[in-house]
Amino acid sequence: EFGELEEISEEESNSTASTNEPDDAPVVKFLQKMIIDAYRMGASD
């Protein structure tokens, strides 16, 4: 199960690119999994 990552609104970023398109969904999930796995494995970086 993915942890709940804090939502960052588009207004808070200086980007106009969308990261919610269907093609980006695997990338978002992959990043979530890597961060959560790193935290659970006790990684520092």
ModelCIF file with pLDDT and N, C-alpha, C, O atoms, coordinates in Angstrom:
data_MODEL
#
_entry.id   MODEL 
#
_entity.id                         1 
_entity.type                       polymer 
_entity.pdbx_number_of_molecules   1 
#
_entity_poly.entity_id                      1 
_entity_poly.type                           'polypeptide(L)' 
_entity_poly.nstd_linkage                   no 
_entity_poly.nstd_monomer                   no 
_entity_poly.pdbx_seq_one_letter_code       EFGELEEISEEESNSTASTNEPDDAPVVKFLQKMIIDAYRMGASD 
_entity_poly.pdbx_seq_one_letter_code_can   EFGELEEISEEESNSTASTNEPDDAPVVKFLQKMIIDAYRMGASD 
_entity_poly.pdbx_strand_id                 A 
#
loop_
_entity_poly_seq.entity_id 
_entity_poly_seq.num 
_entity_poly_seq.mon_id 
_entity_poly_seq.hetero 
1 1  GLU n 
1 2  PHE n 
1 3  GLY n 
1 4  GLU n 
1 5  LEU n 
1 6  GLU n 
1 7  GLU n 
1 8  ILE n 
1 9  SER n 
1 10 GLU n 
1 11 GLU n 
1 12 GLU n 
1 13 SER n 
1 14 ASN n 
1 15 SER n 
1 16 THR n 
1 17 ALA n 
1 18 SER n 
1 19 THR n 
1 20 ASN n 
1 21 GLU n 
1 22 PRO n 
1 23 ASP n 
1 24 ASP n 
1 25 ALA n 
1 26 PRO n 
1 27 VAL n 
1 28 VAL n 
1 29 LYS n 
1 30 PHE n 
1 31 LEU n 
1 32 GLN n 
1 33 LYS n 
1 34 MET n 
1 35 ILE n 
1 36 ILE n 
1 37 ASP n 
1 38 ALA n 
1 39 TYR n 
1 40 ARG n 
1 41 MET n 
1 42 GLY n 
1 43 ALA n 
1 44 SER n 
1 45 ASP n 
#
_struct_asym.id          A 
_struct_asym.entity_id   1 
#
loop_
_ma_qa_metric.id 
_ma_qa_metric.mode 
_ma_qa_metric.name 
_ma_qa_metric.software_group_id 
_ma_qa_metric.type 
1 global pLDDT . pLDDT 
2 local  pLDDT . pLDDT 
#
_ma_qa_metric_global.metric_id      1 
_ma_qa_metric_global.metric_value   61.09 
_ma_qa_metric_global.model_id       1 
_ma_qa_metric_global.ordinal_id     1 
#
loop_
_ma_qa_metric_local.label_asym_id 
_ma_qa_metric_local.label_comp_id 
_ma_qa_metric_local.label_seq_id 
_ma_qa_metric_local.metric_id 
_ma_qa_metric_local.metric_value 
_ma_qa_metric_local.model_id 
_ma_qa_metric_local.ordinal_id 
A GLU 1  2 33.00 1 1  
A PHE 2  2 33.00 1 2  
A GLY 3  2 37.00 1 3  
A GLU 4  2 39.00 1 4  
A LEU 5  2 45.00 1 5  
A GLU 6  2 45.00 1 6  
A GLU 7  2 38.00 1 7  
A ILE 8  2 35.00 1 8  
A SER 9  2 35.00 1 9  
A GLU 10 2 34.00 1 10 
A GLU 11 2 36.00 1 11 
A GLU 12 2 36.00 1 12 
A SER 13 2 35.00 1 13 
A ASN 14 2 37.00 1 14 
A SER 15 2 37.00 1 15 
A THR 16 2 34.00 1 16 
A ALA 17 2 38.00 1 17 
A SER 18 2 38.00 1 18 
A THR 19 2 40.00 1 19 
A ASN 20 2 43.00 1 20 
A GLU 21 2 43.00 1 21 
A PRO 22 2 40.00 1 22 
A ASP 23 2 47.00 1 23 
A ASP 24 2 56.00 1 24 
A ALA 25 2 71.00 1 25 
A PRO 26 2 81.00 1 26 
A VAL 27 2 85.00 1 27 
A VAL 28 2 85.00 1 28 
A LYS 29 2 84.00 1 29 
A PHE 30 2 87.00 1 30 
A LEU 31 2 90.00 1 31 
A GLN 32 2 87.00 1 32 
A LYS 33 2 87.00 1 33 
A MET 34 2 90.00 1 34 
A ILE 35 2 90.00 1 35 
A ILE 36 2 88.00 1 36 
A ASP 37 2 87.00 1 37 
A ALA 38 2 90.00 1 38 
A TYR 39 2 88.00 1 39 
A ARG 40 2 84.00 1 40 
A MET 41 2 85.00 1 41 
A GLY 42 2 85.00 1 42 
A ALA 43 2 89.00 1 43 
A SER 44 2 89.00 1 44 
A ASP 45 2 93.00 1 45 
#
loop_
_atom_site.group_PDB 
_atom_site.id 
_atom_site.type_symbol 
_atom_site.label_atom_id 
_atom_site.label_alt_id 
_atom_site.label_comp_id 
_atom_site.label_asym_id 
_atom_site.label_entity_id 
_atom_site.label_seq_id 
_atom_site.pdbx_PDB_ins_code 
_atom_site.Cartn_x 
_atom_site.Cartn_y 
_atom_site.Cartn_z 
_atom_site.occupancy 
_atom_site.B_iso_or_equiv 
_atom_site.pdbx_formal_charge 
_atom_site.auth_seq_id 
_atom_site.auth_comp_id 
_atom_site.auth_asym_id 
_atom_site.auth_atom_id 
_atom_site.pdbx_PDB_model_num 
ATOM 1   N N  . GLU A 1 1  ? 0.852  -1.179 0.000   1.00 33.00 ? 1  GLU A N  1 
ATOM 2   C CA . GLU A 1 1  ? 0.000  0.000  0.000   1.00 33.00 ? 1  GLU A CA 1 
ATOM 3   C C  . GLU A 1 1  ? 0.884  1.224  0.000   1.00 33.00 ? 1  GLU A C  1 
ATOM 4   O O  . GLU A 1 1  ? 1.875  1.293  0.727   1.00 33.00 ? 1  GLU A O  1 
ATOM 5   N N  . PHE A 1 2  ? 0.519  2.184  -0.817  1.00 33.00 ? 2  PHE A N  1 
ATOM 6   C CA . PHE A 1 2  ? 1.288  3.414  -0.849  1.00 33.00 ? 2  PHE A CA 1 
ATOM 7   C C  . PHE A 1 2  ? 0.926  4.280  0.340   1.00 33.00 ? 2  PHE A C  1 
ATOM 8   O O  . PHE A 1 2  ? -0.232 4.359  0.751   1.00 33.00 ? 2  PHE A O  1 
ATOM 9   N N  . GLY A 1 3  ? 1.948  4.928  0.881   1.00 37.00 ? 3  GLY A N  1 
ATOM 10  C CA . GLY A 1 3  ? 1.690  5.902  1.928   1.00 37.00 ? 3  GLY A CA 1 
ATOM 11  C C  . GLY A 1 3  ? 1.075  7.143  1.314   1.00 37.00 ? 3  GLY A C  1 
ATOM 12  O O  . GLY A 1 3  ? 1.081  7.296  0.092   1.00 37.00 ? 3  GLY A O  1 
ATOM 13  N N  . GLU A 1 4  ? 0.558  8.007  2.118   1.00 39.00 ? 4  GLU A N  1 
ATOM 14  C CA . GLU A 1 4  ? -0.049 9.230  1.625   1.00 39.00 ? 4  GLU A CA 1 
ATOM 15  C C  . GLU A 1 4  ? 1.014  10.299 1.531   1.00 39.00 ? 4  GLU A C  1 
ATOM 16  O O  . GLU A 1 4  ? 1.464  10.821 2.552   1.00 39.00 ? 4  GLU A O  1 
ATOM 17  N N  . LEU A 1 5  ? 1.423  10.634 0.313   1.00 45.00 ? 5  LEU A N  1 
ATOM 18  C CA . LEU A 1 5  ? 2.384  11.701 0.134   1.00 45.00 ? 5  LEU A CA 1 
ATOM 19  C C  . LEU A 1 5  ? 1.658  13.028 0.180   1.00 45.00 ? 5  LEU A C  1 
ATOM 20  O O  . LEU A 1 5  ? 0.545  13.162 -0.329  1.00 45.00 ? 5  LEU A O  1 
ATOM 21  N N  . GLU A 1 6  ? 2.300  14.005 0.794   1.00 45.00 ? 6  GLU A N  1 
ATOM 22  C CA . GLU A 1 6  ? 1.673  15.310 0.919   1.00 45.00 ? 6  GLU A CA 1 
ATOM 23  C C  . GLU A 1 6  ? 1.434  15.886 -0.459  1.00 45.00 ? 6  GLU A C  1 
ATOM 24  O O  . GLU A 1 6  ? 2.334  15.880 -1.299  1.00 45.00 ? 6  GLU A O  1 
ATOM 25  N N  . GLU A 1 7  ? 0.236  16.382 -0.703  1.00 38.00 ? 7  GLU A N  1 
ATOM 26  C CA . GLU A 1 7  ? -0.118 16.912 -2.003  1.00 38.00 ? 7  GLU A CA 1 
ATOM 27  C C  . GLU A 1 7  ? 0.518  18.288 -2.203  1.00 38.00 ? 7  GLU A C  1 
ATOM 28  O O  . GLU A 1 7  ? 0.439  19.134 -1.313  1.00 38.00 ? 7  GLU A O  1 
ATOM 29  N N  . ILE A 1 8  ? 1.134  18.519 -3.335  1.00 35.00 ? 8  ILE A N  1 
ATOM 30  C CA . ILE A 1 8  ? 1.701  19.808 -3.694  1.00 35.00 ? 8  ILE A CA 1 
ATOM 31  C C  . ILE A 1 8  ? 0.873  20.341 -4.856  1.00 35.00 ? 8  ILE A C  1 
ATOM 32  O O  . ILE A 1 8  ? 0.848  19.728 -5.923  1.00 35.00 ? 8  ILE A O  1 
ATOM 33  N N  . SER A 1 9  ? 0.204  21.461 -4.672  1.00 35.00 ? 9  SER A N  1 
ATOM 34  C CA . SER A 1 9  ? -0.668 21.992 -5.713  1.00 35.00 ? 9  SER A CA 1 
ATOM 35  C C  . SER A 1 9  ? 0.166  22.583 -6.841  1.00 35.00 ? 9  SER A C  1 
ATOM 36  O O  . SER A 1 9  ? 1.338  22.907 -6.651  1.00 35.00 ? 9  SER A O  1 
ATOM 37  N N  . GLU A 1 10 ? -0.440 22.723 -8.011  1.00 34.00 ? 10 GLU A N  1 
ATOM 38  C CA . GLU A 1 10 ? 0.263  23.297 -9.148  1.00 34.00 ? 10 GLU A CA 1 
ATOM 39  C C  . GLU A 1 10 ? 0.639  24.747 -8.872  1.00 34.00 ? 10 GLU A C  1 
ATOM 40  O O  . GLU A 1 10 ? 1.647  25.238 -9.380  1.00 34.00 ? 10 GLU A O  1 
ATOM 41  N N  . GLU A 1 11 ? -0.181 25.439 -8.057  1.00 36.00 ? 11 GLU A N  1 
ATOM 42  C CA . GLU A 1 11 ? 0.124  26.830 -7.754  1.00 36.00 ? 11 GLU A CA 1 
ATOM 43  C C  . GLU A 1 11 ? 1.385  26.951 -6.913  1.00 36.00 ? 11 GLU A C  1 
ATOM 44  O O  . GLU A 1 11 ? 2.104  27.947 -6.993  1.00 36.00 ? 11 GLU A O  1 
ATOM 45  N N  . GLU A 1 12 ? 1.651  25.911 -6.091  1.00 36.00 ? 12 GLU A N  1 
ATOM 46  C CA . GLU A 1 12 ? 2.820  25.954 -5.220  1.00 36.00 ? 12 GLU A CA 1 
ATOM 47  C C  . GLU A 1 12 ? 4.104  25.700 -5.978  1.00 36.00 ? 12 GLU A C  1 
ATOM 48  O O  . GLU A 1 12 ? 5.181  26.085 -5.524  1.00 36.00 ? 12 GLU A O  1 
ATOM 49  N N  . SER A 1 13 ? 4.003  25.055 -7.130  1.00 35.00 ? 13 SER A N  1 
ATOM 50  C CA . SER A 1 13 ? 5.204  24.781 -7.919  1.00 35.00 ? 13 SER A CA 1 
ATOM 51  C C  . SER A 1 13 ? 5.356  25.852 -8.986  1.00 35.00 ? 13 SER A C  1 
ATOM 52  O O  . SER A 1 13 ? 4.408  26.574 -9.297  1.00 35.00 ? 13 SER A O  1 
ATOM 53  N N  . ASN A 1 14 ? 6.557  25.950 -9.544  1.00 37.00 ? 14 ASN A N  1 
ATOM 54  C CA . ASN A 1 14 ? 6.778  26.917 -10.618 1.00 37.00 ? 14 ASN A CA 1 
ATOM 55  C C  . ASN A 1 14 ? 6.701  26.215 -11.961 1.00 37.00 ? 14 ASN A C  1 
ATOM 56  O O  . ASN A 1 14 ? 7.362  26.602 -12.925 1.00 37.00 ? 14 ASN A O  1 
ATOM 57  N N  . SER A 1 15 ? 5.884  25.178 -12.004 1.00 37.00 ? 15 SER A N  1 
ATOM 58  C CA . SER A 1 15 ? 5.766  24.378 -13.210 1.00 37.00 ? 15 SER A CA 1 
ATOM 59  C C  . SER A 1 15 ? 4.376  24.499 -13.777 1.00 37.00 ? 15 SER A C  1 
ATOM 60  O O  . SER A 1 15 ? 3.398  24.611 -13.037 1.00 37.00 ? 15 SER A O  1 
ATOM 61  N N  . THR A 1 16 ? 4.288  24.476 -15.101 1.00 34.00 ? 16 THR A N  1 
ATOM 62  C CA . THR A 1 16 ? 2.985  24.435 -15.747 1.00 34.00 ? 16 THR A CA 1 
ATOM 63  C C  . THR A 1 16 ? 2.700  23.057 -16.294 1.00 34.00 ? 16 THR A C  1 
ATOM 64  O O  . THR A 1 16 ? 1.644  22.824 -16.882 1.00 34.00 ? 16 THR A O  1 
ATOM 65  N N  . ALA A 1 17 ? 3.639  22.136 -16.105 1.00 38.00 ? 17 ALA A N  1 
ATOM 66  C CA . ALA A 1 17 ? 3.469  20.770 -16.611 1.00 38.00 ? 17 ALA A CA 1 
ATOM 67  C C  . ALA A 1 17 ? 2.541  19.998 -15.704 1.00 38.00 ? 17 ALA A C  1 
ATOM 68  O O  . ALA A 1 17 ? 2.565  20.170 -14.486 1.00 38.00 ? 17 ALA A O  1 
ATOM 69  N N  . SER A 1 18 ? 1.732  19.154 -16.290 1.00 38.00 ? 18 SER A N  1 
ATOM 70  C CA . SER A 1 18 ? 0.815  18.330 -15.505 1.00 38.00 ? 18 SER A CA 1 
ATOM 71  C C  . SER A 1 18 ? 1.463  17.007 -15.182 1.00 38.00 ? 18 SER A C  1 
ATOM 72  O O  . SER A 1 18 ? 2.111  16.407 -16.039 1.00 38.00 ? 18 SER A O  1 
ATOM 73  N N  . THR A 1 19 ? 1.296  16.539 -13.947 1.00 40.00 ? 19 THR A N  1 
ATOM 74  C CA . THR A 1 19 ? 1.805  15.230 -13.566 1.00 40.00 ? 19 THR A CA 1 
ATOM 75  C C  . THR A 1 19 ? 0.656  14.282 -13.253 1.00 40.00 ? 19 THR A C  1 
ATOM 76  O O  . THR A 1 19 ? 0.849  13.227 -12.648 1.00 40.00 ? 19 THR A O  1 
ATOM 77  N N  . ASN A 1 20 ? -0.531 14.672 -13.671 1.00 43.00 ? 20 ASN A N  1 
ATOM 78  C CA . ASN A 1 20 ? -1.687 13.830 -13.397 1.00 43.00 ? 20 ASN A CA 1 
ATOM 79  C C  . ASN A 1 20 ? -2.233 13.179 -14.654 1.00 43.00 ? 20 ASN A C  1 
ATOM 80  O O  . ASN A 1 20 ? -3.304 12.572 -14.621 1.00 43.00 ? 20 ASN A O  1 
ATOM 81  N N  . GLU A 1 21 ? -1.508 13.296 -15.771 1.00 43.00 ? 21 GLU A N  1 
ATOM 82  C CA . GLU A 1 21 ? -1.952 12.648 -16.984 1.00 43.00 ? 21 GLU A CA 1 
ATOM 83  C C  . GLU A 1 21 ? -1.798 11.143 -16.846 1.00 43.00 ? 21 GLU A C  1 
ATOM 84  O O  . GLU A 1 21 ? -0.949 10.676 -16.088 1.00 43.00 ? 21 GLU A O  1 
ATOM 85  N N  . PRO A 1 22 ? -2.616 10.372 -17.577 1.00 40.00 ? 22 PRO A N  1 
ATOM 86  C CA . PRO A 1 22 ? -2.546 8.912  -17.459 1.00 40.00 ? 22 PRO A CA 1 
ATOM 87  C C  . PRO A 1 22 ? -1.143 8.357  -17.704 1.00 40.00 ? 22 PRO A C  1 
ATOM 88  O O  . PRO A 1 22 ? -0.727 7.410  -17.037 1.00 40.00 ? 22 PRO A O  1 
ATOM 89  N N  . ASP A 1 23 ? -0.399 8.952  -18.674 1.00 47.00 ? 23 ASP A N  1 
ATOM 90  C CA . ASP A 1 23 ? 0.939  8.448  -18.980 1.00 47.00 ? 23 ASP A CA 1 
ATOM 91  C C  . ASP A 1 23 ? 1.901  8.639  -17.826 1.00 47.00 ? 23 ASP A C  1 
ATOM 92  O O  . ASP A 1 23 ? 2.907  7.936  -17.742 1.00 47.00 ? 23 ASP A O  1 
ATOM 93  N N  . ASP A 1 24 ? 1.610  9.585  -16.924 1.00 56.00 ? 24 ASP A N  1 
ATOM 94  C CA . ASP A 1 24 ? 2.504  9.864  -15.811 1.00 56.00 ? 24 ASP A CA 1 
ATOM 95  C C  . ASP A 1 24 ? 2.176  9.035  -14.581 1.00 56.00 ? 24 ASP A C  1 
ATOM 96  O O  . ASP A 1 24 ? 2.969  8.986  -13.641 1.00 56.00 ? 24 ASP A O  1 
ATOM 97  N N  . ALA A 1 25 ? 1.015  8.380  -14.571 1.00 71.00 ? 25 ALA A N  1 
ATOM 98  C CA . ALA A 1 25 ? 0.607  7.639  -13.374 1.00 71.00 ? 25 ALA A CA 1 
ATOM 99  C C  . ALA A 1 25 ? 1.637  6.594  -12.956 1.00 71.00 ? 25 ALA A C  1 
ATOM 100 O O  . ALA A 1 25 ? 1.933  6.509  -11.764 1.00 71.00 ? 25 ALA A O  1 
ATOM 101 N N  . PRO A 1 26 ? 2.204  5.788  -13.867 1.00 81.00 ? 26 PRO A N  1 
ATOM 102 C CA . PRO A 1 26 ? 3.232  4.821  -13.436 1.00 81.00 ? 26 PRO A CA 1 
ATOM 103 C C  . PRO A 1 26 ? 4.455  5.489  -12.824 1.00 81.00 ? 26 PRO A C  1 
ATOM 104 O O  . PRO A 1 26 ? 5.054  4.945  -11.896 1.00 81.00 ? 26 PRO A O  1 
ATOM 105 N N  . VAL A 1 27 ? 4.836  6.666  -13.331 1.00 85.00 ? 27 VAL A N  1 
ATOM 106 C CA . VAL A 1 27 ? 5.990  7.377  -12.791 1.00 85.00 ? 27 VAL A CA 1 
ATOM 107 C C  . VAL A 1 27 ? 5.706  7.837  -11.363 1.00 85.00 ? 27 VAL A C  1 
ATOM 108 O O  . VAL A 1 27 ? 6.560  7.717  -10.485 1.00 85.00 ? 27 VAL A O  1 
ATOM 109 N N  . VAL A 1 28 ? 4.504  8.363  -11.137 1.00 85.00 ? 28 VAL A N  1 
ATOM 110 C CA . VAL A 1 28 ? 4.127  8.812  -9.793  1.00 85.00 ? 28 VAL A CA 1 
ATOM 111 C C  . VAL A 1 28 ? 4.132  7.631  -8.827  1.00 85.00 ? 28 VAL A C  1 
ATOM 112 O O  . VAL A 1 28 ? 4.646  7.737  -7.713  1.00 85.00 ? 28 VAL A O  1 
ATOM 113 N N  . LYS A 1 29 ? 3.561  6.510  -9.253  1.00 84.00 ? 29 LYS A N  1 
ATOM 114 C CA . LYS A 1 29 ? 3.528  5.323  -8.394  1.00 84.00 ? 29 LYS A CA 1 
ATOM 115 C C  . LYS A 1 29 ? 4.935  4.788  -8.137  1.00 84.00 ? 29 LYS A C  1 
ATOM 116 O O  . LYS A 1 29 ? 5.258  4.364  -7.028  1.00 84.00 ? 29 LYS A O  1 
ATOM 117 N N  . PHE A 1 30 ? 5.765  4.814  -9.178  1.00 87.00 ? 30 PHE A N  1 
ATOM 118 C CA . PHE A 1 30 ? 7.128  4.330  -9.016  1.00 87.00 ? 30 PHE A CA 1 
ATOM 119 C C  . PHE A 1 30 ? 7.891  5.175  -7.993  1.00 87.00 ? 30 PHE A C  1 
ATOM 120 O O  . PHE A 1 30 ? 8.586  4.637  -7.131  1.00 87.00 ? 30 PHE A O  1 
ATOM 121 N N  . LEU A 1 31 ? 7.758  6.494  -8.094  1.00 90.00 ? 31 LEU A N  1 
ATOM 122 C CA . LEU A 1 31 ? 8.435  7.383  -7.146  1.00 90.00 ? 31 LEU A CA 1 
ATOM 123 C C  . LEU A 1 31 ? 7.924  7.147  -5.726  1.00 90.00 ? 31 LEU A C  1 
ATOM 124 O O  . LEU A 1 31 ? 8.706  7.097  -4.777  1.00 90.00 ? 31 LEU A O  1 
ATOM 125 N N  . GLN A 1 32 ? 6.615  7.004  -5.590  1.00 87.00 ? 32 GLN A N  1 
ATOM 126 C CA . GLN A 1 32 ? 6.035  6.721  -4.267  1.00 87.00 ? 32 GLN A CA 1 
ATOM 127 C C  . GLN A 1 32 ? 6.620  5.437  -3.682  1.00 87.00 ? 32 GLN A C  1 
ATOM 128 O O  . GLN A 1 32 ? 7.023  5.390  -2.520  1.00 87.00 ? 32 GLN A O  1 
ATOM 129 N N  . LYS A 1 33 ? 6.653  4.409  -4.508  1.00 87.00 ? 33 LYS A N  1 
ATOM 130 C CA . LYS A 1 33 ? 7.147  3.120  -4.007  1.00 87.00 ? 33 LYS A CA 1 
ATOM 131 C C  . LYS A 1 33 ? 8.613  3.199  -3.611  1.00 87.00 ? 33 LYS A C  1 
ATOM 132 O O  . LYS A 1 33 ? 9.010  2.650  -2.584  1.00 87.00 ? 33 LYS A O  1 
ATOM 133 N N  . MET A 1 34 ? 9.419  3.879  -4.419  1.00 90.00 ? 34 MET A N  1 
ATOM 134 C CA . MET A 1 34 ? 10.835 4.000  -4.094  1.00 90.00 ? 34 MET A CA 1 
ATOM 135 C C  . MET A 1 34 ? 11.038 4.735  -2.769  1.00 90.00 ? 34 MET A C  1 
ATOM 136 O O  . MET A 1 34 ? 11.853 4.320  -1.945  1.00 90.00 ? 34 MET A O  1 
ATOM 137 N N  . ILE A 1 35 ? 10.298 5.823  -2.565  1.00 90.00 ? 35 ILE A N  1 
ATOM 138 C CA . ILE A 1 35 ? 10.448 6.605  -1.332  1.00 90.00 ? 35 ILE A CA 1 
ATOM 139 C C  . ILE A 1 35 ? 9.990  5.800  -0.129  1.00 90.00 ? 35 ILE A C  1 
ATOM 140 O O  . ILE A 1 35 ? 10.651 5.790  0.909   1.00 90.00 ? 35 ILE A O  1 
ATOM 141 N N  . ILE A 1 36 ? 8.862  5.127  -0.269  1.00 88.00 ? 36 ILE A N  1 
ATOM 142 C CA . ILE A 1 36 ? 8.333  4.347  0.855   1.00 88.00 ? 36 ILE A CA 1 
ATOM 143 C C  . ILE A 1 36 ? 9.246  3.159  1.161   1.00 88.00 ? 36 ILE A C  1 
ATOM 144 O O  . ILE A 1 36 ? 9.509  2.861  2.326   1.00 88.00 ? 36 ILE A O  1 
ATOM 145 N N  . ASP A 1 37 ? 9.729  2.481  0.116   1.00 87.00 ? 37 ASP A N  1 
ATOM 146 C CA . ASP A 1 37 ? 10.651 1.362  0.328   1.00 87.00 ? 37 ASP A CA 1 
ATOM 147 C C  . ASP A 1 37 ? 11.934 1.838  1.008   1.00 87.00 ? 37 ASP A C  1 
ATOM 148 O O  . ASP A 1 37 ? 12.450 1.173  1.905   1.00 87.00 ? 37 ASP A O  1 
ATOM 149 N N  . ALA A 1 38 ? 12.443 2.988  0.578   1.00 90.00 ? 38 ALA A N  1 
ATOM 150 C CA . ALA A 1 38 ? 13.673 3.518  1.173   1.00 90.00 ? 38 ALA A CA 1 
ATOM 151 C C  . ALA A 1 38 ? 13.466 3.821  2.653   1.00 90.00 ? 38 ALA A C  1 
ATOM 152 O O  . ALA A 1 38 ? 14.324 3.528  3.486   1.00 90.00 ? 38 ALA A O  1 
ATOM 153 N N  . TYR A 1 39 ? 12.325 4.409  2.963   1.00 88.00 ? 39 TYR A N  1 
ATOM 154 C CA . TYR A 1 39 ? 12.038 4.743  4.372   1.00 88.00 ? 39 TYR A CA 1 
ATOM 155 C C  . TYR A 1 39 ? 11.926 3.473  5.216   1.00 88.00 ? 39 TYR A C  1 
ATOM 156 O O  . TYR A 1 39 ? 12.467 3.401  6.319   1.00 88.00 ? 39 TYR A O  1 
ATOM 157 N N  . ARG A 1 40 ? 11.224 2.482  4.689   1.00 84.00 ? 40 ARG A N  1 
ATOM 158 C CA . ARG A 1 40 ? 11.028 1.239  5.452   1.00 84.00 ? 40 ARG A CA 1 
ATOM 159 C C  . ARG A 1 40 ? 12.316 0.432  5.581   1.00 84.00 ? 40 ARG A C  1 
ATOM 160 O O  . ARG A 1 40 ? 12.495 -0.305 6.551   1.00 84.00 ? 40 ARG A O  1 
ATOM 161 N N  . MET A 1 41 ? 13.211 0.568  4.607   1.00 85.00 ? 41 MET A N  1 
ATOM 162 C CA . MET A 1 41 ? 14.481 -0.164 4.658   1.00 85.00 ? 41 MET A CA 1 
ATOM 163 C C  . MET A 1 41 ? 15.548 0.578  5.453   1.00 85.00 ? 41 MET A C  1 
ATOM 164 O O  . MET A 1 41 ? 16.665 0.084  5.604   1.00 85.00 ? 41 MET A O  1 
ATOM 165 N N  . GLY A 1 42 ? 15.211 1.761  5.962   1.00 85.00 ? 42 GLY A N  1 
ATOM 166 C CA . GLY A 1 42 ? 16.165 2.522  6.761   1.00 85.00 ? 42 GLY A CA 1 
ATOM 167 C C  . GLY A 1 42 ? 17.233 3.210  5.947   1.00 85.00 ? 42 GLY A C  1 
ATOM 168 O O  . GLY A 1 42 ? 18.323 3.470  6.456   1.00 85.00 ? 42 GLY A O  1 
ATOM 169 N N  . ALA A 1 43 ? 16.944 3.514  4.682   1.00 89.00 ? 43 ALA A N  1 
ATOM 170 C CA . ALA A 1 43 ? 17.930 4.178  3.825   1.00 89.00 ? 43 ALA A CA 1 
ATOM 171 C C  . ALA A 1 43 ? 18.076 5.644  4.216   1.00 89.00 ? 43 ALA A C  1 
ATOM 172 O O  . ALA A 1 43 ? 17.126 6.267  4.691   1.00 89.00 ? 43 ALA A O  1 
ATOM 173 N N  . SER A 1 44 ? 19.263 6.184  4.013   1.00 89.00 ? 44 SER A N  1 
ATOM 174 C CA . SER A 1 44 ? 19.496 7.605  4.284   1.00 89.00 ? 44 SER A CA 1 
ATOM 175 C C  . SER A 1 44 ? 19.364 8.443  3.019   1.00 89.00 ? 44 SER A C  1 
ATOM 176 O O  . SER A 1 44 ? 19.024 9.624  3.092   1.00 89.00 ? 44 SER A O  1 
ATOM 177 N N  . ASP A 1 45 ? 19.633 7.841  1.848   1.00 93.00 ? 45 ASP A N  1 
ATOM 178 C CA . ASP A 1 45 ? 19.587 8.570  0.581   1.00 93.00 ? 45 ASP A CA 1 
ATOM 179 C C  . ASP A 1 45 ? 19.038 7.675  -0.521  1.00 93.00 ? 45 ASP A C  1 
ATOM 180 O O  . ASP A 1 45 ? 18.920 8.108  -1.667  1.00 93.00 ? 45 ASP A O  1 
#
